[in-house]
């Protein structure tokens, strides 16, 4: 991912070249290089001269350069917008968690819609809603990657407790009573009765959660062994880093709940194939598929994840937001939120919804196909006729010159196309998993705060509030009998002396913090 250099980060493999655009443009570069070679050999080894006038070379090159620059700039702007939107999600999630955890009281009495409950019940309630804030970020991640549904290892444990049926519960549970959040999509092959129809993938009743490692190449048994030895392996720095990376499974920090459907991995990038390294083979693959489709009867289609999934219609973030909004409305009806804090909570919920809409806009608004096709065809024509125009002046240098020009121009064009949608699994895309895990850590850090009475920690021997003018501790200052007097203050004691001490502290700081 783009958090660090993806080419040289971690263990080096040939797959690291996917972080560049070489895999995508080398067939085109090779083609135009062969054209340049043909032009040079024919012009130099035969009596035929293929050179043509280069009058349009400068003009067309300038125009193409400006258009490609605009193409790359517009794609990078979308890339930056995506990162800004995730910053908004992080900020709003942090603000919501702080307001829920600190400003909602734990003491509840019977009053209107509010019912009396213990302090532990209040903490459970608030922590559950903060978990839903985390679930919102995770659901947005899956939404942007074109992954439908809620049955993922990092999402389902956070929302499994939410209501599933509109009638809570109906006498006979049917798919017609199921809320939109829990509707299963095509990959589960669900019938009208709400039951899984595919026997090969149908789990047993009360199917337990499957703890699939975030790294699909490692088996479950190896993960458990690595976890049992992780503390021992951390004794060596290099060995510790490798063991930590191999056993990395952040979903282990989530609740252990039962699922009626198998849970899919939290991060499931498509496996690279030979078509990713030799794009020219995709054409032959398409031809074979067309011929087989015409020759034989229609078979059952196998659904396979694409490297760049298209945006899907997803109601998961919306329904999580509805639950949080309903909770906020209940708090205001119960009088548990002050008006200013209620406004802040509502504003942050609105920010999350606006951010989701902006992210959807980025995914659903690609550059028009006509513009992309016309630009690529124009560039191909320019590169095709380039060796004809420069052969008479460059001779054998026409071959490396054409190769470099095609590599440069086609590379920028491909970069613009690659970063146009920065939410997939490509090495140059935004690291959405890192963003979600960072939000998870921050929310847990907020809920670790105990909200103590300020008097419990202010008047202690560790606090010197008036330093450097007065280095007595808060405990010593609070124990002083009579009015306050500064250490070197010869004036009247009391608040006047406190103010003189603060002024002296400013003077001392102003001198100590300036270089001579």
Protein backbone atom coordinates (compact mmCIF):
# COMPACT_ATOMS: atom_id res chain seq x y z
CA UNK A 1 0.00 0.00 0.00
CA UNK A 2 0.96 3.62 -0.27
CA UNK A 3 1.76 4.12 3.41
CA UNK A 4 5.39 3.30 2.52
CA UNK A 5 7.38 2.48 -0.58
CA UNK A 6 5.53 -0.62 -1.85
CA UNK A 7 8.39 -1.74 -4.10
CA UNK A 8 11.06 -2.15 -1.41
CA UNK A 9 8.93 -2.53 1.71
CA UNK A 10 9.15 -5.95 3.41
CA UNK A 11 10.27 -9.10 1.67
CA UNK A 12 11.04 -8.51 -1.99
CA UNK A 13 9.22 -10.60 -4.59
CA UNK A 14 8.53 -10.27 -8.29
CA UNK A 15 4.97 -9.23 -7.42
CA UNK A 16 6.36 -5.94 -6.15
CA UNK A 17 6.58 -4.78 -9.76
CA UNK A 18 2.79 -4.51 -9.64
CA UNK A 19 3.41 -1.25 -7.76
CA UNK A 20 4.73 0.20 -11.02
CA UNK A 21 3.03 0.48 -14.39
CA UNK A 22 5.65 -1.62 -16.18
CA UNK A 23 3.40 -4.68 -16.18
CA UNK A 24 0.65 -2.71 -17.91
CA UNK A 25 2.60 -0.84 -20.57
CA UNK A 26 5.45 -3.13 -21.61
CA UNK A 27 3.53 -4.78 -24.50
CA UNK A 28 2.78 -1.36 -25.99
CA UNK A 29 6.35 -0.16 -25.45
CA UNK A 30 7.64 -3.33 -27.09
CA UNK A 31 5.30 -2.86 -30.08
CA UNK A 32 6.37 0.73 -30.75
CA UNK A 33 10.02 -0.23 -30.28
CA UNK A 34 9.61 -2.93 -32.94
CA UNK A 35 7.99 -0.37 -35.26
CA UNK A 36 10.99 1.92 -34.75
CA UNK A 37 13.35 -0.99 -35.45
CA UNK A 38 11.49 -1.80 -38.65
CA UNK A 39 11.61 1.82 -39.81
CA UNK A 40 15.36 2.07 -39.16
CA UNK A 41 16.24 -1.23 -40.85
CA UNK A 42 14.12 -0.55 -43.93
CA UNK A 43 15.44 3.01 -44.29
CA UNK A 44 19.11 2.08 -43.78
CA UNK A 45 19.38 -1.39 -45.32
CA UNK A 46 17.17 -0.91 -48.38
CA UNK A 47 16.65 1.70 -51.02
CA UNK A 48 13.28 2.67 -49.58
CA UNK A 49 13.17 5.69 -47.33
CA UNK A 50 10.33 5.72 -44.78
CA UNK A 51 11.13 9.10 -43.32
CA UNK A 52 8.37 11.72 -43.44
CA UNK A 53 8.22 15.40 -42.57
CA UNK A 54 8.35 16.25 -38.89
CA UNK A 55 6.45 19.52 -39.10
CA UNK A 56 3.62 18.33 -36.86
CA UNK A 57 5.88 16.60 -34.33
CA UNK A 58 6.35 19.60 -32.04
CA UNK A 59 2.76 20.80 -32.20
CA UNK A 60 1.17 17.41 -31.60
CA UNK A 61 3.69 16.54 -28.89
CA UNK A 62 2.89 19.70 -26.97
CA UNK A 63 -0.86 19.13 -27.21
CA UNK A 64 -0.59 15.50 -26.13
CA UNK A 65 1.67 16.46 -23.22
CA UNK A 66 -0.86 18.99 -21.95
CA UNK A 67 -3.76 16.56 -22.29
CA UNK A 68 -1.89 13.75 -20.52
CA UNK A 69 -0.89 16.19 -17.78
CA UNK A 70 -4.54 17.14 -17.30
CA UNK A 71 -5.49 13.44 -17.22
CA UNK A 72 -2.94 12.66 -14.51
CA UNK A 73 -3.78 15.78 -12.48
CA UNK A 74 -7.51 15.03 -12.47
CA UNK A 75 -6.84 11.43 -11.36
CA UNK A 76 -4.49 12.56 -8.58
CA UNK A 77 -7.07 15.07 -7.42
CA UNK A 78 -9.54 12.22 -6.95
CA UNK A 79 -6.84 10.29 -5.13
CA UNK A 80 -6.26 13.19 -2.73
CA UNK A 81 -10.01 13.67 -2.26
CA UNK A 82 -10.31 10.02 -1.23
CA UNK A 83 -7.62 10.49 1.40
CA UNK A 84 -9.28 13.67 2.71
CA UNK A 85 -12.61 11.87 2.99
CA UNK A 86 -11.03 9.14 5.13
CA UNK A 87 -9.48 11.82 7.31
CA UNK A 88 -13.01 13.17 7.84
CA UNK A 89 -14.23 9.69 8.81
CA UNK A 90 -11.38 9.36 11.33
CA UNK A 91 -12.04 12.80 12.82
CA UNK A 92 -15.82 12.35 13.05
CA UNK A 93 -15.42 8.85 14.56
CA UNK A 94 -13.04 10.16 17.19
CA UNK A 95 -15.34 13.07 18.06
CA UNK A 96 -18.42 10.84 18.27
CA UNK A 97 -16.66 8.37 20.54
CA UNK A 98 -15.47 11.12 22.89
CA UNK A 99 -18.91 12.69 23.14
CA UNK A 100 -20.66 9.36 23.73
CA UNK A 101 -18.13 8.09 26.25
CA UNK A 102 -17.58 11.27 28.28
CA UNK A 103 -20.73 13.35 28.01
CA UNK A 104 -23.42 10.69 28.36
CA UNK A 105 -23.89 10.07 32.12
CA UNK A 106 -23.65 6.60 33.64
CA UNK A 107 -26.20 7.35 36.39
CA UNK A 108 -29.72 6.65 35.11
CA UNK A 109 -33.02 7.11 36.97
CA UNK A 110 -36.61 6.41 36.00
CA UNK A 111 -37.64 9.57 34.20
CA UNK A 112 -39.80 9.63 31.08
CA UNK A 113 -38.37 7.31 28.43
CA UNK A 114 -35.27 6.86 30.57
CA UNK A 115 -35.21 3.75 32.75
CA UNK A 116 -33.05 3.11 35.77
CA UNK A 117 -30.00 0.99 35.09
CA UNK A 118 -26.68 0.24 36.72
CA UNK A 119 -23.40 1.94 35.87
CA UNK A 120 -22.19 -1.27 34.22
CA UNK A 121 -25.24 -1.34 31.96
CA UNK A 122 -24.60 2.26 30.94
CA UNK A 123 -20.97 1.49 30.11
CA UNK A 124 -22.06 -1.53 28.03
CA UNK A 125 -24.55 0.66 26.19
CA UNK A 126 -22.01 3.36 25.35
CA UNK A 127 -19.27 0.91 24.38
CA UNK A 128 -21.70 -0.88 22.04
CA UNK A 129 -22.52 2.36 20.23
CA UNK A 130 -18.83 3.20 19.90
CA UNK A 131 -18.32 -0.23 18.33
CA UNK A 132 -20.98 0.74 15.80
CA UNK A 133 -18.93 3.83 14.95
CA UNK A 134 -16.04 1.50 14.18
CA UNK A 135 -18.40 -0.75 12.19
CA UNK A 136 -19.40 2.23 10.04
CA UNK A 137 -15.79 2.78 8.92
CA UNK A 138 -15.34 -0.94 8.18
CA UNK A 139 -18.60 -1.09 6.20
CA UNK A 140 -17.50 1.92 4.12
CA UNK A 141 -14.26 0.09 3.33
CA UNK A 142 -16.14 -2.96 2.00
CA UNK A 143 -18.60 -0.71 0.19
CA UNK A 144 -15.84 1.08 -1.70
CA UNK A 145 -14.22 -2.22 -2.65
CA UNK A 146 -17.43 -3.55 -4.15
CA UNK A 147 -17.86 -6.21 -1.46
CA UNK A 148 -21.53 -6.71 -0.64
CA UNK A 149 -23.20 -7.86 2.55
CA UNK A 150 -22.20 -7.95 6.21
CA UNK A 151 -20.64 -11.40 6.52
CA UNK A 152 -17.01 -10.40 6.90
CA UNK A 153 -14.67 -11.23 9.76
CA UNK A 154 -14.06 -7.58 10.64
CA UNK A 155 -17.67 -6.38 10.26
CA UNK A 156 -20.11 -9.07 11.35
CA UNK A 157 -18.86 -9.36 15.00
CA UNK A 158 -19.50 -5.63 15.48
CA UNK A 159 -23.13 -5.63 14.27
CA UNK A 160 -24.33 -9.19 14.92
CA UNK A 161 -26.55 -8.01 17.78
CA UNK A 162 -28.62 -5.61 15.65
CA UNK A 163 -32.28 -6.52 14.97
CA UNK A 164 -32.74 -8.85 12.03
CA UNK A 165 -36.49 -8.89 11.50
CA UNK A 166 -38.98 -6.09 11.15
CA UNK A 167 -41.47 -7.82 13.51
CA UNK A 168 -38.99 -8.61 16.33
CA UNK A 169 -39.25 -11.57 15.83
CA UNK A 170 -42.07 -12.84 13.63
CA UNK A 171 -43.91 -16.01 14.53
CA UNK A 172 -42.48 -17.66 11.42
CA UNK A 173 -39.21 -16.10 10.29
CA UNK A 174 -39.20 -15.56 6.53
CA UNK A 175 -37.12 -13.54 4.10
CA UNK A 176 -40.04 -11.11 3.77
CA UNK A 177 -39.60 -10.05 7.41
CA UNK A 178 -35.84 -9.64 7.23
CA UNK A 179 -34.49 -6.09 7.48
CA UNK A 180 -32.43 -4.79 4.53
CA UNK A 181 -29.17 -5.09 6.47
CA UNK A 182 -29.49 -8.87 6.69
CA UNK A 183 -30.53 -9.65 3.14
CA UNK A 184 -28.07 -12.07 1.56
CA UNK A 185 -26.77 -11.43 -1.94
CA UNK A 186 -26.15 -13.75 -4.87
CA UNK A 187 -22.92 -15.25 -3.61
CA UNK A 188 -24.86 -17.09 -0.88
CA UNK A 189 -27.58 -18.48 -3.24
CA UNK A 190 -30.45 -17.80 -0.87
CA UNK A 191 -33.99 -18.94 -1.76
CA UNK A 192 -37.33 -17.32 -1.03
CA UNK A 193 -37.45 -18.98 2.38
CA UNK A 194 -34.22 -17.29 3.43
CA UNK A 195 -32.26 -20.55 3.53
CA UNK A 196 -28.97 -21.20 1.79
CA UNK A 197 -29.62 -23.26 -1.34
CA UNK A 198 -26.06 -24.26 -2.24
CA UNK A 199 -25.29 -27.40 -0.19
CA UNK A 200 -21.56 -27.09 -0.74
CA UNK A 201 -21.40 -23.76 1.05
CA UNK A 202 -24.32 -24.18 3.43
CA UNK A 203 -23.11 -24.10 7.05
CA UNK A 204 -24.56 -26.08 9.88
CA UNK A 205 -27.07 -24.46 12.22
CA UNK A 206 -25.46 -21.87 14.48
CA UNK A 207 -22.32 -22.02 12.39
CA UNK A 208 -19.39 -20.79 14.52
CA UNK A 209 -17.27 -17.93 13.32
CA UNK A 210 -14.31 -18.99 11.21
CA UNK A 211 -11.12 -17.33 12.32
CA UNK A 212 -9.50 -16.90 8.94
CA UNK A 213 -6.12 -15.24 9.00
CA UNK A 214 -5.77 -11.87 7.30
CA UNK A 215 -2.99 -13.41 5.26
CA UNK A 216 -4.79 -16.13 3.24
CA UNK A 217 -1.57 -17.99 2.45
CA UNK A 218 -1.09 -19.08 6.06
CA UNK A 219 -3.07 -21.98 7.47
CA UNK A 220 -5.11 -21.76 10.65
CA UNK A 221 -2.84 -24.23 12.44
CA UNK A 222 0.26 -22.20 11.57
CA UNK A 223 -1.41 -19.03 12.81
CA UNK A 224 -2.23 -20.62 16.16
CA UNK A 225 1.35 -21.88 16.52
CA UNK A 226 2.73 -18.46 15.69
CA UNK A 227 0.44 -16.83 18.26
CA UNK A 228 1.50 -19.25 20.99
CA UNK A 229 5.17 -18.51 20.29
CA UNK A 230 4.85 -14.81 19.52
CA UNK A 231 6.20 -13.62 22.86
CA UNK A 232 9.21 -15.90 22.56
CA UNK A 233 9.89 -14.87 18.98
CA UNK A 234 9.84 -11.19 19.87
CA UNK A 235 13.12 -11.63 21.81
CA UNK A 236 15.08 -11.31 18.57
CA UNK A 237 14.43 -8.11 16.64
CA UNK A 238 14.53 -9.54 13.13
CA UNK A 239 12.82 -12.79 14.08
CA UNK A 240 10.26 -10.81 16.04
CA UNK A 241 9.31 -8.67 13.08
CA UNK A 242 8.89 -11.67 10.80
CA UNK A 243 6.84 -13.61 13.35
CA UNK A 244 4.64 -10.60 13.99
CA UNK A 245 3.99 -10.14 10.29
CA UNK A 246 3.23 -13.82 9.69
CA UNK A 247 0.81 -14.08 12.62
CA UNK A 248 -0.85 -10.72 12.07
CA UNK A 249 -4.60 -11.23 12.55
CA UNK A 250 -6.30 -8.05 13.80
CA UNK A 251 -9.71 -9.75 13.71
CA UNK A 252 -8.66 -11.66 16.83
CA UNK A 253 -9.35 -8.43 18.75
CA UNK A 254 -13.03 -8.51 17.76
CA UNK A 255 -15.86 -10.30 19.58
CA UNK A 256 -16.18 -14.08 19.13
CA UNK A 257 -19.74 -14.59 17.92
CA UNK A 258 -21.64 -17.26 15.99
CA UNK A 259 -22.63 -16.71 12.38
CA UNK A 260 -25.30 -18.52 10.39
CA UNK A 261 -23.19 -18.01 7.24
CA UNK A 262 -19.44 -18.52 6.66
CA UNK A 263 -17.56 -15.28 7.17
CA UNK A 264 -15.38 -14.01 4.36
CA UNK A 265 -11.88 -12.63 5.07
CA UNK A 266 -11.61 -9.00 6.04
CA UNK A 267 -9.06 -8.47 3.32
CA UNK A 268 -9.40 -10.66 0.26
CA UNK A 269 -7.39 -9.30 -2.69
CA UNK A 270 -7.65 -11.26 -5.95
CA UNK A 271 -4.77 -13.56 -6.73
CA UNK A 272 -2.58 -12.23 -9.56
CA UNK A 273 -2.63 -14.27 -12.75
CA UNK A 274 -0.57 -14.47 -15.90
CA UNK A 275 -2.98 -11.98 -17.49
CA UNK A 276 -1.77 -9.31 -15.04
CA UNK A 277 1.80 -9.72 -16.25
CA UNK A 278 1.03 -10.28 -19.96
CA UNK A 279 -2.04 -8.13 -20.71
CA UNK A 280 -1.96 -9.17 -24.36
CA UNK A 281 -3.25 -12.61 -23.37
CA UNK A 282 -6.52 -11.06 -22.20
CA UNK A 283 -7.53 -10.61 -25.82
CA UNK A 284 -7.06 -14.34 -26.56
CA UNK A 285 -8.90 -15.21 -23.36
CA UNK A 286 -11.83 -13.08 -24.49
CA UNK A 287 -11.83 -14.72 -27.93
CA UNK A 288 -11.86 -18.21 -26.43
CA UNK A 289 -14.72 -17.26 -24.09
CA UNK A 290 -16.77 -15.91 -27.00
CA UNK A 291 -16.22 -19.05 -29.08
CA UNK A 292 -17.13 -21.38 -26.20
CA UNK A 293 -20.24 -19.36 -25.49
CA UNK A 294 -21.41 -19.68 -29.08
CA UNK A 295 -20.45 -23.34 -29.47
CA UNK A 296 -21.91 -24.88 -26.32
CA UNK A 297 -24.98 -24.43 -24.12
CA UNK A 298 -25.01 -21.85 -21.39
CA UNK A 299 -23.44 -23.21 -18.25
CA UNK A 300 -23.75 -22.00 -14.69
CA UNK A 301 -21.65 -18.91 -14.34
CA UNK A 302 -18.91 -18.97 -11.74
CA UNK A 303 -18.70 -15.73 -9.85
CA UNK A 304 -15.11 -14.65 -9.52
CA UNK A 305 -13.90 -11.51 -7.86
CA UNK A 306 -12.35 -8.98 -10.14
CA UNK A 307 -9.16 -7.12 -9.39
CA UNK A 308 -11.08 -3.85 -9.66
CA UNK A 309 -14.58 -4.42 -8.37
CA UNK A 310 -17.25 -2.04 -9.51
CA UNK A 311 -19.19 -0.01 -6.98
CA UNK A 312 -22.17 -1.86 -5.54
CA UNK A 313 -25.45 -0.82 -4.03
CA UNK A 314 -24.91 -1.23 -0.30
CA UNK A 315 -27.19 -0.28 2.56
CA UNK A 316 -24.85 -1.38 5.35
CA UNK A 317 -23.28 2.05 6.16
CA UNK A 318 -26.71 3.66 5.86
CA UNK A 319 -28.37 1.27 8.31
CA UNK A 320 -25.52 1.62 10.81
CA UNK A 321 -25.99 5.38 10.57
CA UNK A 322 -29.73 4.96 11.16
CA UNK A 323 -29.03 3.03 14.37
CA UNK A 324 -26.64 5.73 15.61
CA UNK A 325 -29.12 8.48 14.72
CA UNK A 326 -31.91 6.64 16.51
CA UNK A 327 -29.70 6.30 19.59
CA UNK A 328 -28.94 10.03 19.50
CA UNK A 329 -32.65 10.85 19.24
CA UNK A 330 -33.40 8.58 22.21
CA UNK A 331 -30.69 10.30 24.30
CA UNK A 332 -32.18 13.71 23.56
CA UNK A 333 -35.72 12.53 24.42
CA UNK A 334 -34.40 11.10 27.69
CA UNK A 335 -32.56 14.33 28.55
CA UNK A 336 -29.17 12.58 28.71
CA UNK A 337 -27.46 14.99 26.32
CA UNK A 338 -26.90 18.69 26.82
CA UNK A 339 -28.08 20.78 23.83
CA UNK A 340 -24.55 21.77 22.81
CA UNK A 341 -23.30 18.18 22.91
CA UNK A 342 -26.41 16.95 21.07
CA UNK A 343 -25.62 19.46 18.31
CA UNK A 344 -22.04 18.21 18.15
CA UNK A 345 -23.15 14.57 17.90
CA UNK A 346 -25.64 15.43 15.15
CA UNK A 347 -23.03 17.41 13.22
CA UNK A 348 -20.55 14.54 13.33
CA UNK A 349 -23.18 12.06 12.17
CA UNK A 350 -23.96 14.43 9.30
CA UNK A 351 -20.24 14.62 8.48
CA UNK A 352 -20.07 10.83 8.23
CA UNK A 353 -23.03 10.74 5.86
CA UNK A 354 -21.62 13.55 3.72
CA UNK A 355 -18.27 11.78 3.56
CA UNK A 356 -19.93 8.56 2.44
CA UNK A 357 -21.73 10.45 -0.33
CA UNK A 358 -18.48 12.07 -1.47
CA UNK A 359 -16.67 8.73 -1.54
CA UNK A 360 -19.50 7.27 -3.58
CA UNK A 361 -19.21 10.24 -5.94
CA UNK A 362 -15.52 9.50 -6.49
CA UNK A 363 -16.26 5.85 -7.27
CA UNK A 364 -19.25 6.52 -9.48
CA UNK A 365 -17.78 9.34 -11.56
CA UNK A 366 -14.95 7.97 -13.71
CA UNK A 367 -13.44 9.94 -16.52
CA UNK A 368 -15.77 9.61 -19.57
CA UNK A 369 -14.87 6.64 -21.73
CA UNK A 370 -14.92 8.74 -24.90
CA UNK A 371 -12.21 10.99 -23.46
CA UNK A 372 -10.05 8.05 -22.38
CA UNK A 373 -10.45 6.18 -25.69
CA UNK A 374 -9.75 9.26 -27.82
CA UNK A 375 -6.69 10.17 -25.76
CA UNK A 376 -5.24 6.65 -25.96
CA UNK A 377 -5.86 6.33 -29.71
CA UNK A 378 -4.30 9.74 -30.32
CA UNK A 379 -1.24 8.76 -28.30
CA UNK A 380 -0.92 5.45 -30.17
CA UNK A 381 -1.03 7.24 -33.52
CA UNK A 382 1.55 9.77 -32.32
CA UNK A 383 3.93 7.05 -31.12
CA UNK A 384 3.37 4.95 -34.25
CA UNK A 385 4.40 7.78 -36.60
CA UNK A 386 7.13 9.10 -34.31
CA UNK A 387 9.98 6.93 -35.70
CA UNK A 388 9.01 7.89 -39.27
CA UNK A 389 9.57 11.55 -38.37
CA UNK A 390 12.84 11.28 -36.44
CA UNK A 391 14.66 8.49 -38.33
CA UNK A 392 16.42 10.81 -40.75
CA UNK A 393 17.92 12.83 -37.89
CA UNK A 394 18.52 10.19 -35.20
CA UNK A 395 19.41 7.10 -37.30
CA UNK A 396 19.93 4.09 -34.97
CA UNK A 397 19.02 6.25 -31.95
CA UNK A 398 15.47 6.18 -33.27
CA UNK A 399 14.99 2.78 -31.58
CA UNK A 400 15.90 3.75 -27.96
CA UNK A 401 14.35 7.19 -28.46
CA UNK A 402 10.99 5.74 -29.45
CA UNK A 403 11.15 3.21 -26.61
CA UNK A 404 11.81 5.96 -24.07
CA UNK A 405 9.10 8.25 -25.46
CA UNK A 406 6.50 5.47 -25.40
CA UNK A 407 7.54 4.42 -21.89
CA UNK A 408 7.25 8.00 -20.65
CA UNK A 409 3.94 8.96 -22.25
CA UNK A 410 2.17 5.62 -21.83
CA UNK A 411 3.37 5.43 -18.21
CA UNK A 412 1.79 8.73 -17.26
CA UNK A 413 -1.42 7.77 -19.05
CA UNK A 414 -1.58 4.45 -17.18
CA UNK A 415 -0.80 6.09 -13.83
CA UNK A 416 -3.79 8.38 -14.28
CA UNK A 417 -6.03 5.40 -14.99
CA UNK A 418 -4.68 3.40 -12.03
CA UNK A 419 -5.12 6.03 -9.30
CA UNK A 420 -8.50 7.20 -10.59
CA UNK A 421 -10.24 4.82 -8.14
CA UNK A 422 -7.90 4.53 -5.12
CA UNK A 423 -10.05 2.20 -2.99
CA UNK A 424 -9.20 -1.26 -4.33
CA UNK A 425 -6.40 -3.70 -3.53
CA UNK A 426 -3.74 -2.37 -5.87
CA UNK A 427 -0.37 -1.58 -4.30
CA UNK A 428 -0.81 2.09 -5.21
CA UNK A 429 -4.30 2.37 -3.71
CA UNK A 430 -5.10 3.87 -0.33
CA UNK A 431 -4.56 1.51 2.60
CA UNK A 432 -8.16 1.36 3.80
CA UNK A 433 -7.38 -1.51 6.18
CA UNK A 434 -4.76 0.64 7.90
CA UNK A 435 -7.26 3.49 8.25
CA UNK A 436 -9.90 1.20 9.80
CA UNK A 437 -7.40 -0.35 12.24
CA UNK A 438 -6.20 3.12 13.25
CA UNK A 439 -9.81 4.13 13.98
CA UNK A 440 -10.26 0.93 16.00
CA UNK A 441 -7.17 1.67 18.12
CA UNK A 442 -8.26 5.25 18.77
CA UNK A 443 -11.79 4.26 19.78
CA UNK A 444 -10.45 1.69 22.23
CA UNK A 445 -8.06 4.27 23.62
CA UNK A 446 -10.98 6.63 24.22
CA UNK A 447 -13.01 3.97 26.03
CA UNK A 448 -9.98 3.17 28.22
CA UNK A 449 -10.36 6.65 29.72
CA UNK A 450 -12.10 6.41 33.10
CA UNK A 451 -13.44 10.01 33.31
CA UNK A 452 -12.23 10.52 36.90
CA UNK A 453 -13.09 13.44 39.16
CA UNK A 454 -10.44 16.15 38.51
CA UNK A 455 -9.77 16.43 42.24
CA UNK A 456 -8.51 12.84 42.22
CA UNK A 457 -5.45 13.63 40.09
CA UNK A 458 -4.89 17.40 40.24
CA UNK A 459 -3.85 17.74 43.89
CA UNK A 460 -0.98 15.27 43.77
CA UNK A 461 2.79 15.32 44.26
CA UNK A 462 3.32 14.90 40.50
CA UNK A 463 1.76 18.26 39.58
CA UNK A 464 3.65 21.57 39.67
CA UNK A 465 1.09 23.93 38.15
CA UNK A 466 2.93 27.22 38.79
CA UNK A 467 6.41 26.17 37.59
CA UNK A 468 8.91 27.64 36.87
CA UNK A 469 8.11 30.61 39.12
CA UNK A 470 6.87 28.38 41.96
CA UNK A 471 8.02 24.74 41.91
CA UNK A 472 5.94 23.59 44.85
CA UNK A 473 3.60 20.72 44.06
CA UNK A 474 -0.16 21.05 43.97
CA UNK A 475 -0.33 18.90 47.10
CA UNK A 476 1.96 21.32 48.95
CA UNK A 477 0.12 24.38 47.67
CA UNK A 478 -3.26 22.98 48.72
CA UNK A 479 -1.88 22.31 52.22
CA UNK A 480 -0.79 25.94 52.74
CA UNK A 481 -2.62 27.64 55.55
CA UNK A 482 -3.73 31.16 54.91
CA UNK A 483 -3.41 33.25 51.74
CA UNK A 484 -0.98 32.24 49.00
CA UNK A 485 2.44 33.89 48.84
CA UNK A 486 4.96 33.28 46.07
CA UNK A 487 8.48 32.03 46.91
CA UNK A 488 10.17 35.38 46.22
CA UNK A 489 7.12 37.63 46.54
CA UNK A 490 7.46 40.35 49.19
CA UNK A 491 4.11 41.97 48.44
CA UNK A 492 0.71 41.32 49.87
CA UNK A 493 -0.31 37.62 49.92
CA UNK A 494 -3.49 36.33 48.29
CA UNK A 495 -4.71 36.47 44.68
CA UNK A 496 -2.44 39.44 43.93
CA UNK A 497 0.52 37.26 44.79
CA UNK A 498 -0.82 34.46 42.54
CA UNK A 499 -1.01 36.88 39.61
CA UNK A 500 2.50 38.19 40.30
CA UNK A 501 3.77 34.60 40.33
CA UNK A 502 2.12 33.90 36.98
CA UNK A 503 3.71 37.06 35.49
CA UNK A 504 7.10 36.01 36.83
CA UNK A 505 6.57 32.56 35.30
CA UNK A 506 5.93 34.17 31.92
CA UNK A 507 9.15 36.20 32.19
CA UNK A 508 11.19 33.12 33.14
CA UNK A 509 9.76 31.08 30.25
CA UNK A 510 10.35 33.93 27.80
CA UNK A 511 14.05 34.01 28.80
CA UNK A 512 14.59 30.24 29.03
CA UNK A 513 13.05 29.42 25.67
CA UNK A 514 14.99 31.96 23.58
CA UNK A 515 18.37 31.21 22.07
CA UNK A 516 21.15 33.66 22.84
